[in-house]
């Protein structure tokens, strides 16, 4: 038997990997066929999951506003959801190197679904508290860090190189659609008869659907074995590599500065919309819509328009200047928003977004 026909032993992070065929042409055909089969559940599952992400982006802070109406609680909710990125961002890759990728993603989806099911039950029983929301935000944020890192690692294992480009472009399109449709639909849900209870149930369902689709994804190849070392040393090496790369170091510092500015705005816009812009409930025939949902959806729609023209702008000006221009638009957009009333404020807010 030829040497290349010997099955390759899967590494610790592999799942349903392919066994090389004695006939290279047949093996290549089978790999491409499986990759095309993987593309459909990946896109369908992630499209629904992204929709759930942006439902949660709206429903969690709006629910906090309804519970307490305190800006500090909005800030704590946002902090609870983003803190895991700081705590686990570097460690996520190390953890995923030691696990089965697909299984980790499914468990992350399942955990998020359980959180929203419990939150929906608490709302239905009228036992929910702001501390439950903080806990839900932290768990959801933690699972999102694991899921996002794992998905980036899964795509090259599940798709061929040509389909990677297709998958990433379509995922970006699905993200843009979810950014607009998620808050708008959430606005309809929270203004309806079953309000946040139904919204949280649908949130849970989106993650369960995503997990179900992931069970249909099969690996094409074995991921390279990585020699397991001490967890702390691997983290130290990763951080050292980041700090030694000027481009990565500058990009990280820039992203940190942008998030320090944007995160408080994103957190308080929900309270600002209700208290200062006077956004209430809009009645369109039999459908009640929370105007804040329209505001957030419109803000995202304008922001998506800005993202779509970004490549053309980047081709004309240097990246550093583009970053500075973006920060100026961010500040000036929200500054103008502070002096406006009603839904028309979505225009400068969208420019800032």
C-alpha atoms as a PDB file:
ATOM      1  CA  UNK A   1       0.000   0.000   0.000  1.00  0.00           C
ATOM      2  CA  UNK A   2       1.244   3.490  -0.824  1.00  0.00           C
ATOM      3  CA  UNK A   3       2.525   5.570   2.056  1.00  0.00           C
ATOM      4  CA  UNK A   4       0.108   8.443   1.404  1.00  0.00           C
ATOM      5  CA  UNK A   5      -2.919   6.200   1.827  1.00  0.00           C
ATOM      6  CA  UNK A   6      -2.330   5.786   5.563  1.00  0.00           C
ATOM      7  CA  UNK A   7      -5.058   7.575   7.560  1.00  0.00           C
ATOM      8  CA  UNK A   8      -3.877  10.669   9.380  1.00  0.00           C
ATOM      9  CA  UNK A   9      -4.463  10.570  13.115  1.00  0.00           C
ATOM     10  CA  UNK A  10      -6.712  13.421  14.182  1.00  0.00           C
ATOM     11  CA  UNK A  11      -5.333  15.969  16.603  1.00  0.00           C
ATOM     12  CA  UNK A  12      -6.990  16.812  19.912  1.00  0.00           C
ATOM     13  CA  UNK A  13      -9.053  19.595  18.351  1.00  0.00           C
ATOM     14  CA  UNK A  14     -10.329  17.679  15.318  1.00  0.00           C
ATOM     15  CA  UNK A  15     -13.838  16.449  14.681  1.00  0.00           C
ATOM     16  CA  UNK A  16     -15.084  14.298  11.801  1.00  0.00           C
ATOM     17  CA  UNK A  17     -11.884  14.813   9.833  1.00  0.00           C
ATOM     18  CA  UNK A  18     -11.410  13.390   6.365  1.00  0.00           C
ATOM     19  CA  UNK A  19      -9.437  10.215   5.651  1.00  0.00           C
ATOM     20  CA  UNK A  20      -7.211  10.628   2.588  1.00  0.00           C
ATOM     21  CA  UNK A  21      -8.175   8.474  -0.398  1.00  0.00           C
ATOM     22  CA  UNK A  22      -5.732   6.298  -2.362  1.00  0.00           C
ATOM     23  CA  UNK A  23      -6.958   8.188  -5.465  1.00  0.00           C
ATOM     24  CA  UNK A  24      -6.029  11.893  -5.144  1.00  0.00           C
ATOM     25  CA  UNK A  25      -8.594  13.021  -7.744  1.00  0.00           C
ATOM     26  CA  UNK A  26     -11.439  11.313  -5.896  1.00  0.00           C
ATOM     27  CA  UNK A  27     -10.188  12.686  -2.593  1.00  0.00           C
ATOM     28  CA  UNK A  28     -10.151  16.222  -4.015  1.00  0.00           C
ATOM     29  CA  UNK A  29     -13.660  15.797  -5.430  1.00  0.00           C
ATOM     30  CA  UNK A  30     -14.951  14.501  -2.093  1.00  0.00           C
ATOM     31  CA  UNK A  31     -13.349  17.389  -0.185  1.00  0.00           C
ATOM     32  CA  UNK A  32     -14.899  19.993  -2.480  1.00  0.00           C
ATOM     33  CA  UNK A  33     -18.288  18.308  -2.219  1.00  0.00           C
ATOM     34  CA  UNK A  34     -18.128  18.244   1.570  1.00  0.00           C
ATOM     35  CA  UNK A  35     -16.961  21.870   1.668  1.00  0.00           C
ATOM     36  CA  UNK A  36     -19.979  22.941  -0.387  1.00  0.00           C
ATOM     37  CA  UNK A  37     -22.209  20.920   1.950  1.00  0.00           C
ATOM     38  CA  UNK A  38     -20.615  22.661   4.946  1.00  0.00           C
ATOM     39  CA  UNK A  39     -21.160  26.130   3.512  1.00  0.00           C
ATOM     40  CA  UNK A  40     -24.953  25.944   3.652  1.00  0.00           C
ATOM     41  CA  UNK A  41     -25.383  25.074   7.353  1.00  0.00           C
ATOM     42  CA  UNK A  42     -22.582  27.455   8.341  1.00  0.00           C
ATOM     43  CA  UNK A  43     -24.225  30.414   6.617  1.00  0.00           C
ATOM     44  CA  UNK A  44     -27.769  29.502   7.662  1.00  0.00           C
ATOM     45  CA  UNK A  45     -26.816  28.905  11.277  1.00  0.00           C
ATOM     46  CA  UNK A  46     -24.672  32.007  11.598  1.00  0.00           C
ATOM     47  CA  UNK A  47     -27.248  34.188   9.858  1.00  0.00           C
ATOM     48  CA  UNK A  48     -29.833  33.183  12.466  1.00  0.00           C
ATOM     49  CA  UNK A  49     -27.290  33.448  15.286  1.00  0.00           C
ATOM     50  CA  UNK A  50     -26.293  36.968  14.215  1.00  0.00           C
ATOM     51  CA  UNK A  51     -29.965  37.924  14.178  1.00  0.00           C
ATOM     52  CA  UNK A  52     -30.153  36.675  17.770  1.00  0.00           C
ATOM     53  CA  UNK A  53     -27.043  38.685  18.676  1.00  0.00           C
ATOM     54  CA  UNK A  54     -28.659  41.928  17.555  1.00  0.00           C
ATOM     55  CA  UNK A  55     -31.949  41.044  19.198  1.00  0.00           C
ATOM     56  CA  UNK A  56     -29.982  40.752  22.444  1.00  0.00           C
ATOM     57  CA  UNK A  57     -28.083  43.967  21.660  1.00  0.00           C
ATOM     58  CA  UNK A  58     -31.444  45.745  21.871  1.00  0.00           C
ATOM     59  CA  UNK A  59     -33.467  43.730  24.367  1.00  0.00           C
ATOM     60  CA  UNK A  60     -30.996  43.447  27.257  1.00  0.00           C
ATOM     61  CA  UNK A  61     -30.285  47.189  27.714  1.00  0.00           C
ATOM     62  CA  UNK A  62     -33.901  48.177  27.046  1.00  0.00           C
ATOM     63  CA  UNK A  63     -35.000  45.698  29.683  1.00  0.00           C
ATOM     64  CA  UNK A  64     -32.569  47.285  32.133  1.00  0.00           C
ATOM     65  CA  UNK A  65     -34.104  50.684  31.349  1.00  0.00           C
ATOM     66  CA  UNK A  66     -37.533  49.242  32.133  1.00  0.00           C
ATOM     67  CA  UNK A  67     -36.306  47.634  35.355  1.00  0.00           C
ATOM     68  CA  UNK A  68     -34.403  50.554  36.890  1.00  0.00           C
ATOM     69  CA  UNK A  69     -34.038  53.444  34.443  1.00  0.00           C
ATOM     70  CA  UNK A  70     -30.547  54.133  35.829  1.00  0.00           C
ATOM     71  CA  UNK A  71     -27.692  55.032  33.515  1.00  0.00           C
ATOM     72  CA  UNK A  72     -25.265  53.303  35.860  1.00  0.00           C
ATOM     73  CA  UNK A  73     -27.092  49.996  35.385  1.00  0.00           C
ATOM     74  CA  UNK A  74     -26.884  50.390  31.615  1.00  0.00           C
ATOM     75  CA  UNK A  75     -23.156  50.921  31.935  1.00  0.00           C
ATOM     76  CA  UNK A  76     -22.790  47.867  34.158  1.00  0.00           C
ATOM     77  CA  UNK A  77     -24.743  45.744  31.666  1.00  0.00           C
ATOM     78  CA  UNK A  78     -22.447  46.836  28.848  1.00  0.00           C
ATOM     79  CA  UNK A  79     -19.403  46.249  31.047  1.00  0.00           C
ATOM     80  CA  UNK A  80     -20.588  42.767  32.013  1.00  0.00           C
ATOM     81  CA  UNK A  81     -20.974  41.826  28.349  1.00  0.00           C
ATOM     82  CA  UNK A  82     -17.631  43.233  27.211  1.00  0.00           C
ATOM     83  CA  UNK A  83     -15.490  42.337  30.252  1.00  0.00           C
ATOM     84  CA  UNK A  84     -15.060  38.718  29.033  1.00  0.00           C
ATOM     85  CA  UNK A  85     -13.191  40.011  25.976  1.00  0.00           C
ATOM     86  CA  UNK A  86     -10.588  41.484  28.314  1.00  0.00           C
ATOM     87  CA  UNK A  87     -10.554  38.488  30.641  1.00  0.00           C
ATOM     88  CA  UNK A  88     -10.691  35.666  28.117  1.00  0.00           C
ATOM     89  CA  UNK A  89      -9.737  37.186  24.767  1.00  0.00           C
ATOM     90  CA  UNK A  90      -6.139  35.985  24.815  1.00  0.00           C
ATOM     91  CA  UNK A  91      -6.955  32.731  26.596  1.00  0.00           C
ATOM     92  CA  UNK A  92      -9.737  31.722  24.186  1.00  0.00           C
ATOM     93  CA  UNK A  93      -7.274  30.612  21.535  1.00  0.00           C
ATOM     94  CA  UNK A  94      -5.278  28.565  24.014  1.00  0.00           C
ATOM     95  CA  UNK A  95      -8.460  26.885  25.257  1.00  0.00           C
ATOM     96  CA  UNK A  96      -9.678  26.123  21.742  1.00  0.00           C
ATOM     97  CA  UNK A  97      -6.337  24.555  20.829  1.00  0.00           C
ATOM     98  CA  UNK A  98      -7.083  21.920  23.458  1.00  0.00           C
ATOM     99  CA  UNK A  99     -10.702  21.187  22.500  1.00  0.00           C
ATOM    100  CA  UNK A 100     -12.841  19.910  19.624  1.00  0.00           C
ATOM    101  CA  UNK A 101     -13.788  23.058  17.729  1.00  0.00           C
ATOM    102  CA  UNK A 102     -17.291  22.149  16.625  1.00  0.00           C
ATOM    103  CA  UNK A 103     -18.196  20.808  20.051  1.00  0.00           C
ATOM    104  CA  UNK A 104     -16.975  24.015  21.710  1.00  0.00           C
ATOM    105  CA  UNK A 105     -19.118  26.125  19.385  1.00  0.00           C
ATOM    106  CA  UNK A 106     -22.208  23.997  19.986  1.00  0.00           C
ATOM    107  CA  UNK A 107     -21.728  24.182  23.757  1.00  0.00           C
ATOM    108  CA  UNK A 108     -21.301  27.970  23.536  1.00  0.00           C
ATOM    109  CA  UNK A 109     -24.577  28.266  21.635  1.00  0.00           C
ATOM    110  CA  UNK A 110     -26.322  25.934  24.077  1.00  0.00           C
ATOM    111  CA  UNK A 111     -25.113  27.958  27.073  1.00  0.00           C
ATOM    112  CA  UNK A 112     -26.400  31.209  25.560  1.00  0.00           C
ATOM    113  CA  UNK A 113     -29.743  29.584  24.772  1.00  0.00           C
ATOM    114  CA  UNK A 114     -30.106  28.383  28.370  1.00  0.00           C
ATOM    115  CA  UNK A 115     -29.321  31.875  29.702  1.00  0.00           C
ATOM    116  CA  UNK A 116     -32.085  33.462  27.623  1.00  0.00           C
ATOM    117  CA  UNK A 117     -34.548  30.678  28.459  1.00  0.00           C
ATOM    118  CA  UNK A 118     -33.954  31.298  32.170  1.00  0.00           C
ATOM    119  CA  UNK A 119     -34.291  35.041  31.667  1.00  0.00           C
ATOM    120  CA  UNK A 120     -37.568  34.560  29.780  1.00  0.00           C
ATOM    121  CA  UNK A 121     -38.860  32.371  32.627  1.00  0.00           C
ATOM    122  CA  UNK A 122     -37.862  35.009  35.195  1.00  0.00           C
ATOM    123  CA  UNK A 123     -39.722  37.694  33.238  1.00  0.00           C
ATOM    124  CA  UNK A 124     -42.805  35.480  32.938  1.00  0.00           C
ATOM    125  CA  UNK A 125     -42.753  34.776  36.698  1.00  0.00           C
ATOM    126  CA  UNK A 126     -41.984  38.427  37.499  1.00  0.00           C
ATOM    127  CA  UNK A 127     -38.890  37.430  39.457  1.00  0.00           C
ATOM    128  CA  UNK A 128     -36.236  39.029  37.241  1.00  0.00           C
ATOM    129  CA  UNK A 129     -33.775  41.482  38.759  1.00  0.00           C
ATOM    130  CA  UNK A 130     -31.063  43.722  37.387  1.00  0.00           C
ATOM    131  CA  UNK A 131     -28.443  41.371  38.873  1.00  0.00           C
ATOM    132  CA  UNK A 132     -29.843  38.560  36.763  1.00  0.00           C
ATOM    133  CA  UNK A 133     -29.393  40.748  33.693  1.00  0.00           C
ATOM    134  CA  UNK A 134     -25.774  41.478  34.690  1.00  0.00           C
ATOM    135  CA  UNK A 135     -25.127  37.755  35.087  1.00  0.00           C
ATOM    136  CA  UNK A 136     -26.815  36.952  31.770  1.00  0.00           C
ATOM    137  CA  UNK A 137     -24.769  39.634  29.995  1.00  0.00           C
ATOM    138  CA  UNK A 138     -21.518  38.275  31.437  1.00  0.00           C
ATOM    139  CA  UNK A 139     -22.241  34.659  30.482  1.00  0.00           C
ATOM    140  CA  UNK A 140     -23.432  35.606  26.999  1.00  0.00           C
ATOM    141  CA  UNK A 141     -20.354  37.787  26.512  1.00  0.00           C
ATOM    142  CA  UNK A 142     -18.054  34.984  27.694  1.00  0.00           C
ATOM    143  CA  UNK A 143     -19.621  32.418  25.363  1.00  0.00           C
ATOM    144  CA  UNK A 144     -19.468  34.899  22.487  1.00  0.00           C
ATOM    145  CA  UNK A 145     -15.703  35.294  22.958  1.00  0.00           C
ATOM    146  CA  UNK A 146     -15.250  31.503  22.731  1.00  0.00           C
ATOM    147  CA  UNK A 147     -17.677  31.178  19.830  1.00  0.00           C
ATOM    148  CA  UNK A 148     -16.237  33.991  17.712  1.00  0.00           C
ATOM    149  CA  UNK A 149     -12.668  32.745  18.141  1.00  0.00           C
ATOM    150  CA  UNK A 150     -13.737  29.161  17.452  1.00  0.00           C
ATOM    151  CA  UNK A 151     -15.661  30.081  14.315  1.00  0.00           C
ATOM    152  CA  UNK A 152     -12.592  31.804  12.874  1.00  0.00           C
ATOM    153  CA  UNK A 153     -10.644  28.584  13.453  1.00  0.00           C
ATOM    154  CA  UNK A 154     -13.420  26.305  12.168  1.00  0.00           C
ATOM    155  CA  UNK A 155     -13.937  27.978   8.795  1.00  0.00           C
ATOM    156  CA  UNK A 156     -10.509  26.991   7.336  1.00  0.00           C
ATOM    157  CA  UNK A 157     -11.030  23.431   8.613  1.00  0.00           C
ATOM    158  CA  UNK A 158     -14.552  23.111   7.152  1.00  0.00           C
ATOM    159  CA  UNK A 159     -14.183  24.998   3.846  1.00  0.00           C
ATOM    160  CA  UNK A 160     -11.822  25.024   0.899  1.00  0.00           C
ATOM    161  CA  UNK A 161      -9.798  28.164   0.262  1.00  0.00           C
ATOM    162  CA  UNK A 162     -12.031  29.447  -2.548  1.00  0.00           C
ATOM    163  CA  UNK A 163     -15.149  29.021  -0.389  1.00  0.00           C
ATOM    164  CA  UNK A 164     -13.535  30.899   2.495  1.00  0.00           C
ATOM    165  CA  UNK A 165     -13.802  34.129   0.505  1.00  0.00           C
ATOM    166  CA  UNK A 166     -17.448  33.375  -0.291  1.00  0.00           C
ATOM    167  CA  UNK A 167     -18.233  32.514   3.318  1.00  0.00           C
ATOM    168  CA  UNK A 168     -16.601  35.626   4.788  1.00  0.00           C
ATOM    169  CA  UNK A 169     -18.282  37.984   2.316  1.00  0.00           C
ATOM    170  CA  UNK A 170     -21.700  36.425   2.889  1.00  0.00           C
ATOM    171  CA  UNK A 171     -21.235  36.420   6.649  1.00  0.00           C
ATOM    172  CA  UNK A 172     -20.464  40.132   6.494  1.00  0.00           C
ATOM    173  CA  UNK A 173     -23.631  40.686   4.458  1.00  0.00           C
ATOM    174  CA  UNK A 174     -25.666  38.655   6.957  1.00  0.00           C
ATOM    175  CA  UNK A 175     -24.160  40.687   9.805  1.00  0.00           C
ATOM    176  CA  UNK A 176     -25.187  43.924   8.107  1.00  0.00           C
ATOM    177  CA  UNK A 177     -28.744  42.645   7.604  1.00  0.00           C
ATOM    178  CA  UNK A 178     -28.938  41.452  11.221  1.00  0.00           C
ATOM    179  CA  UNK A 179     -27.698  44.829  12.515  1.00  0.00           C
ATOM    180  CA  UNK A 180     -30.722  46.476  10.903  1.00  0.00           C
ATOM    181  CA  UNK A 181     -33.396  43.784  11.171  1.00  0.00           C
ATOM    182  CA  UNK A 182     -32.572  42.609  14.721  1.00  0.00           C
ATOM    183  CA  UNK A 183     -33.293  45.861  16.616  1.00  0.00           C
ATOM    184  CA  UNK A 184     -36.297  46.673  14.402  1.00  0.00           C
ATOM    185  CA  UNK A 185     -37.872  43.272  15.080  1.00  0.00           C
ATOM    186  CA  UNK A 186     -36.964  43.530  18.766  1.00  0.00           C
ATOM    187  CA  UNK A 187     -38.817  46.853  18.868  1.00  0.00           C
ATOM    188  CA  UNK A 188     -41.949  45.084  17.642  1.00  0.00           C
ATOM    189  CA  UNK A 189     -41.541  42.278  20.166  1.00  0.00           C
ATOM    190  CA  UNK A 190     -41.034  44.412  23.286  1.00  0.00           C
ATOM    191  CA  UNK A 191     -43.977  46.635  22.360  1.00  0.00           C
ATOM    192  CA  UNK A 192     -46.225  43.621  21.845  1.00  0.00           C
ATOM    193  CA  UNK A 193     -48.452  41.700  24.229  1.00  0.00           C
ATOM    194  CA  UNK A 194     -45.775  39.296  25.479  1.00  0.00           C
ATOM    195  CA  UNK A 195     -42.955  41.852  25.457  1.00  0.00           C
ATOM    196  CA  UNK A 196     -39.550  40.832  26.783  1.00  0.00           C
ATOM    197  CA  UNK A 197     -40.684  37.302  27.624  1.00  0.00           C
ATOM    198  CA  UNK A 198     -41.195  36.497  23.930  1.00  0.00           C
ATOM    199  CA  UNK A 199     -38.103  38.459  22.891  1.00  0.00           C
ATOM    200  CA  UNK A 200     -35.865  36.412  25.204  1.00  0.00           C
ATOM    201  CA  UNK A 201     -37.494  33.150  24.069  1.00  0.00           C
ATOM    202  CA  UNK A 202     -36.740  33.998  20.437  1.00  0.00           C
ATOM    203  CA  UNK A 203     -33.192  34.905  21.471  1.00  0.00           C
ATOM    204  CA  UNK A 204     -32.816  31.422  22.953  1.00  0.00           C
ATOM    205  CA  UNK A 205     -34.302  29.805  19.841  1.00  0.00           C
ATOM    206  CA  UNK A 206     -31.783  31.494  17.522  1.00  0.00           C
ATOM    207  CA  UNK A 207     -28.865  30.002  19.437  1.00  0.00           C
ATOM    208  CA  UNK A 208     -30.470  26.556  19.494  1.00  0.00           C
ATOM    209  CA  UNK A 209     -30.965  26.724  15.726  1.00  0.00           C
ATOM    210  CA  UNK A 210     -27.335  27.789  15.278  1.00  0.00           C
ATOM    211  CA  UNK A 211     -26.166  24.815  17.381  1.00  0.00           C
ATOM    212  CA  UNK A 212     -28.348  22.453  15.346  1.00  0.00           C
ATOM    213  CA  UNK A 213     -26.884  23.668  12.068  1.00  0.00           C
ATOM    214  CA  UNK A 214     -23.363  23.224  13.428  1.00  0.00           C
ATOM    215  CA  UNK A 215     -24.008  19.510  13.956  1.00  0.00           C
ATOM    216  CA  UNK A 216     -24.168  19.181  10.150  1.00  0.00           C
ATOM    217  CA  UNK A 217     -20.656  20.635   9.640  1.00  0.00           C
ATOM    218  CA  UNK A 218     -17.849  18.129   9.008  1.00  0.00           C
ATOM    219  CA  UNK A 219     -14.105  18.791   8.973  1.00  0.00           C
ATOM    220  CA  UNK A 220     -12.182  18.461   5.708  1.00  0.00           C
ATOM    221  CA  UNK A 221      -8.730  18.055   7.139  1.00  0.00           C
ATOM    222  CA  UNK A 222      -6.866  17.494  10.382  1.00  0.00           C
ATOM    223  CA  UNK A 223      -5.763  20.571  12.241  1.00  0.00           C
ATOM    224  CA  UNK A 224      -2.047  20.603  12.935  1.00  0.00           C
ATOM    225  CA  UNK A 225      -1.092  19.176  16.291  1.00  0.00           C
ATOM    226  CA  UNK A 226       0.070  21.793  18.762  1.00  0.00           C
ATOM    227  CA  UNK A 227       2.395  20.799  21.536  1.00  0.00           C
ATOM    228  CA  UNK A 228       0.594  21.523  24.770  1.00  0.00           C
ATOM    229  CA  UNK A 229       2.567  23.668  27.161  1.00  0.00           C
ATOM    230  CA  UNK A 230       1.810  25.458  30.382  1.00  0.00           C
ATOM    231  CA  UNK A 231      -1.291  27.628  29.960  1.00  0.00           C
ATOM    232  CA  UNK A 232       0.302  30.727  31.528  1.00  0.00           C
ATOM    233  CA  UNK A 233       3.405  30.421  29.337  1.00  0.00           C
ATOM    234  CA  UNK A 234       1.304  30.221  26.187  1.00  0.00           C
ATOM    235  CA  UNK A 235      -0.579  33.354  27.207  1.00  0.00           C
ATOM    236  CA  UNK A 236       2.708  35.114  27.924  1.00  0.00           C
ATOM    237  CA  UNK A 237       4.095  34.128  24.506  1.00  0.00           C
ATOM    238  CA  UNK A 238       0.948  35.337  22.760  1.00  0.00           C
ATOM    239  CA  UNK A 239       1.050  38.702  24.506  1.00  0.00           C
ATOM    240  CA  UNK A 240       4.775  39.010  23.816  1.00  0.00           C
ATOM    241  CA  UNK A 241       4.205  38.367  20.109  1.00  0.00           C
ATOM    242  CA  UNK A 242       1.501  41.037  20.020  1.00  0.00           C
ATOM    243  CA  UNK A 243       3.686  43.647  21.701  1.00  0.00           C
ATOM    244  CA  UNK A 244       6.630  42.945  19.372  1.00  0.00           C
ATOM    245  CA  UNK A 245       4.598  43.588  16.204  1.00  0.00           C
ATOM    246  CA  UNK A 246       4.381  47.375  15.538  1.00  0.00           C
ATOM    247  CA  UNK A 247       1.329  47.108  13.270  1.00  0.00           C
ATOM    248  CA  UNK A 248      -0.586  44.820  15.628  1.00  0.00           C
ATOM    249  CA  UNK A 249       0.422  46.948  18.602  1.00  0.00           C
ATOM    250  CA  UNK A 250      -0.793  50.154  16.961  1.00  0.00           C
ATOM    251  CA  UNK A 251      -4.020  48.535  15.749  1.00  0.00           C
ATOM    252  CA  UNK A 252      -4.737  47.199  19.241  1.00  0.00           C
ATOM    253  CA  UNK A 253      -4.103  50.592  20.832  1.00  0.00           C
ATOM    254  CA  UNK A 254      -6.345  52.293  18.268  1.00  0.00           C
ATOM    255  CA  UNK A 255      -9.140  49.800  18.804  1.00  0.00           C
ATOM    256  CA  UNK A 256      -8.819  50.264  22.576  1.00  0.00           C
ATOM    257  CA  UNK A 257      -9.128  54.039  22.232  1.00  0.00           C
ATOM    258  CA  UNK A 258     -12.130  53.730  19.921  1.00  0.00           C
ATOM    259  CA  UNK A 259     -13.885  51.304  22.266  1.00  0.00           C
ATOM    260  CA  UNK A 260     -13.241  53.557  25.280  1.00  0.00           C
ATOM    261  CA  UNK A 261     -15.113  56.273  23.410  1.00  0.00           C
ATOM    262  CA  UNK A 262     -17.794  54.223  21.701  1.00  0.00           C
ATOM    263  CA  UNK A 263     -18.762  51.767  24.448  1.00  0.00           C
ATOM    264  CA  UNK A 264     -20.222  54.388  26.846  1.00  0.00           C
ATOM    265  CA  UNK A 265     -22.160  55.955  23.954  1.00  0.00           C
ATOM    266  CA  UNK A 266     -23.537  52.591  22.865  1.00  0.00           C
ATOM    267  CA  UNK A 267     -24.620  51.848  26.434  1.00  0.00           C
ATOM    268  CA  UNK A 268     -26.333  55.154  27.196  1.00  0.00           C
ATOM    269  CA  UNK A 269     -28.050  55.668  23.826  1.00  0.00           C
ATOM    270  CA  UNK A 270     -30.943  53.490  25.044  1.00  0.00           C
ATOM    271  CA  UNK A 271     -31.637  55.684  28.062  1.00  0.00           C
ATOM    272  CA  UNK A 272     -30.973  58.834  26.033  1.00  0.00           C
ATOM    273  CA  UNK A 273     -33.475  57.778  23.377  1.00  0.00           C
ATOM    274  CA  UNK A 274     -36.245  57.351  25.898  1.00  0.00           C
ATOM    275  CA  UNK A 275     -35.461  60.227  28.275  1.00  0.00           C
ATOM    276  CA  UNK A 276     -34.125  62.936  25.923  1.00  0.00           C
ATOM    277  CA  UNK A 277     -35.334  62.106  22.410  1.00  0.00           C
ATOM    278  CA  UNK A 278     -38.821  61.268  23.629  1.00  0.00           C
ATOM    279  CA  UNK A 279     -39.021  57.978  21.734  1.00  0.00           C
ATOM    280  CA  UNK A 280     -42.085  55.987  22.698  1.00  0.00           C
ATOM    281  CA  UNK A 281     -44.385  53.468  21.035  1.00  0.00           C
ATOM    282  CA  UNK A 282     -45.455  53.841  17.415  1.00  0.00           C
ATOM    283  CA  UNK A 283     -48.748  52.279  16.301  1.00  0.00           C
ATOM    284  CA  UNK A 284     -48.853  51.095  12.693  1.00  0.00           C
ATOM    285  CA  UNK A 285     -52.283  49.534  12.288  1.00  0.00           C
ATOM    286  CA  UNK A 286     -52.397  46.431  14.492  1.00  0.00           C
ATOM    287  CA  UNK A 287     -48.631  46.466  15.082  1.00  0.00           C
ATOM    288  CA  UNK A 288     -47.054  48.291  18.016  1.00  0.00           C
ATOM    289  CA  UNK A 289     -43.402  49.229  17.536  1.00  0.00           C
ATOM    290  CA  UNK A 290     -40.988  50.635  20.070  1.00  0.00           C
ATOM    291  CA  UNK A 291     -39.568  53.738  18.368  1.00  0.00           C
ATOM    292  CA  UNK A 292     -36.235  53.067  20.016  1.00  0.00           C
ATOM    293  CA  UNK A 293     -36.025  49.873  17.945  1.00  0.00           C
ATOM    294  CA  UNK A 294     -36.536  51.910  14.760  1.00  0.00           C
ATOM    295  CA  UNK A 295     -33.924  54.383  15.967  1.00  0.00           C
ATOM    296  CA  UNK A 296     -31.288  51.682  16.610  1.00  0.00           C
ATOM    297  CA  UNK A 297     -32.116  49.941  13.314  1.00  0.00           C
ATOM    298  CA  UNK A 298     -31.884  53.223  11.390  1.00  0.00           C
ATOM    299  CA  UNK A 299     -28.615  54.036  13.115  1.00  0.00           C
ATOM    300  CA  UNK A 300     -27.240  50.660  12.050  1.00  0.00           C
ATOM    301  CA  UNK A 301     -28.511  51.112   8.475  1.00  0.00           C
ATOM    302  CA  UNK A 302     -26.649  54.403   8.107  1.00  0.00           C
ATOM    303  CA  UNK A 303     -23.585  52.812   9.688  1.00  0.00           C
ATOM    304  CA  UNK A 304     -23.744  49.912   7.194  1.00  0.00           C
ATOM    305  CA  UNK A 305     -23.809  52.469   4.393  1.00  0.00           C
ATOM    306  CA  UNK A 306     -20.613  53.960   5.778  1.00  0.00           C
ATOM    307  CA  UNK A 307     -18.969  50.545   5.941  1.00  0.00           C
ATOM    308  CA  UNK A 308     -19.908  49.837   2.319  1.00  0.00           C
ATOM    309  CA  UNK A 309     -18.055  52.904   1.047  1.00  0.00           C
ATOM    310  CA  UNK A 310     -15.084  52.427   3.385  1.00  0.00           C
ATOM    311  CA  UNK A 311     -13.019  50.365   0.872  1.00  0.00           C
ATOM    312  CA  UNK A 312     -13.340  53.119  -1.772  1.00  0.00           C
ATOM    313  CA  UNK A 313     -12.329  55.756   0.783  1.00  0.00           C
ATOM    314  CA  UNK A 314      -9.415  53.637   2.000  1.00  0.00           C
ATOM    315  CA  UNK A 315      -8.113  53.445  -1.572  1.00  0.00           C
ATOM    316  CA  UNK A 316      -7.831  57.240  -1.680  1.00  0.00           C
ATOM    317  CA  UNK A 317      -6.495  58.186   1.733  1.00  0.00           C
ATOM    318  CA  UNK A 318      -4.020  56.659   4.158  1.00  0.00           C
ATOM    319  CA  UNK A 319      -5.358  54.295   6.797  1.00  0.00           C
ATOM    320  CA  UNK A 320      -4.168  56.479   9.691  1.00  0.00           C
ATOM    321  CA  UNK A 321      -5.973  59.523   8.317  1.00  0.00           C
ATOM    322  CA  UNK A 322      -9.053  57.420   7.717  1.00  0.00           C
ATOM    323  CA  UNK A 323      -9.039  56.361  11.368  1.00  0.00           C
ATOM    324  CA  UNK A 324      -8.761  59.993  12.501  1.00  0.00           C
ATOM    325  CA  UNK A 325     -11.610  60.990  10.172  1.00  0.00           C
ATOM    326  CA  UNK A 326     -13.736  58.181  11.592  1.00  0.00           C
ATOM    327  CA  UNK A 327     -13.135  59.357  15.154  1.00  0.00           C
ATOM    328  CA  UNK A 328     -14.098  62.923  14.164  1.00  0.00           C
ATOM    329  CA  UNK A 329     -17.339  61.639  12.603  1.00  0.00           C
ATOM    330  CA  UNK A 330     -18.019  59.579  15.705  1.00  0.00           C
ATOM    331  CA  UNK A 331     -17.662  62.555  18.026  1.00  0.00           C
ATOM    332  CA  UNK A 332     -19.418  65.122  15.856  1.00  0.00           C
ATOM    333  CA  UNK A 333     -22.311  62.785  15.010  1.00  0.00           C
ATOM    334  CA  UNK A 334     -23.176  62.122  18.628  1.00  0.00           C
ATOM    335  CA  UNK A 335     -22.556  65.778  19.561  1.00  0.00           C
ATOM    336  CA  UNK A 336     -25.229  66.885  17.092  1.00  0.00           C
ATOM    337  CA  UNK A 337     -27.535  64.113  18.318  1.00  0.00           C
ATOM    338  CA  UNK A 338     -27.394  65.610  21.819  1.00  0.00           C
ATOM    339  CA  UNK A 339     -29.159  68.755  20.578  1.00  0.00           C
ATOM    340  CA  UNK A 340     -31.960  67.066  18.607  1.00  0.00           C
ATOM    341  CA  UNK A 341     -35.359  65.584  19.364  1.00  0.00           C
ATOM    342  CA  UNK A 342     -37.341  62.678  17.952  1.00  0.00           C
ATOM    343  CA  UNK A 343     -36.524  60.094  15.313  1.00  0.00           C
ATOM    344  CA  UNK A 344     -34.773  62.610  13.062  1.00  0.00           C
ATOM    345  CA  UNK A 345     -31.816  62.360  15.461  1.00  0.00           C
ATOM    346  CA  UNK A 346     -31.109  58.977  13.882  1.00  0.00           C
ATOM    347  CA  UNK A 347     -29.244  60.750  11.040  1.00  0.00           C
ATOM    348  CA  UNK A 348     -26.365  62.241  13.064  1.00  0.00           C
ATOM    349  CA  UNK A 349     -26.399  59.229  15.407  1.00  0.00           C
ATOM    350  CA  UNK A 350     -26.016  56.933  12.396  1.00  0.00           C
ATOM    351  CA  UNK A 351     -23.115  59.025  11.112  1.00  0.00           C
ATOM    352  CA  UNK A 352     -21.484  58.698  14.519  1.00  0.00           C
ATOM    353  CA  UNK A 353     -22.180  54.978  14.559  1.00  0.00           C
END
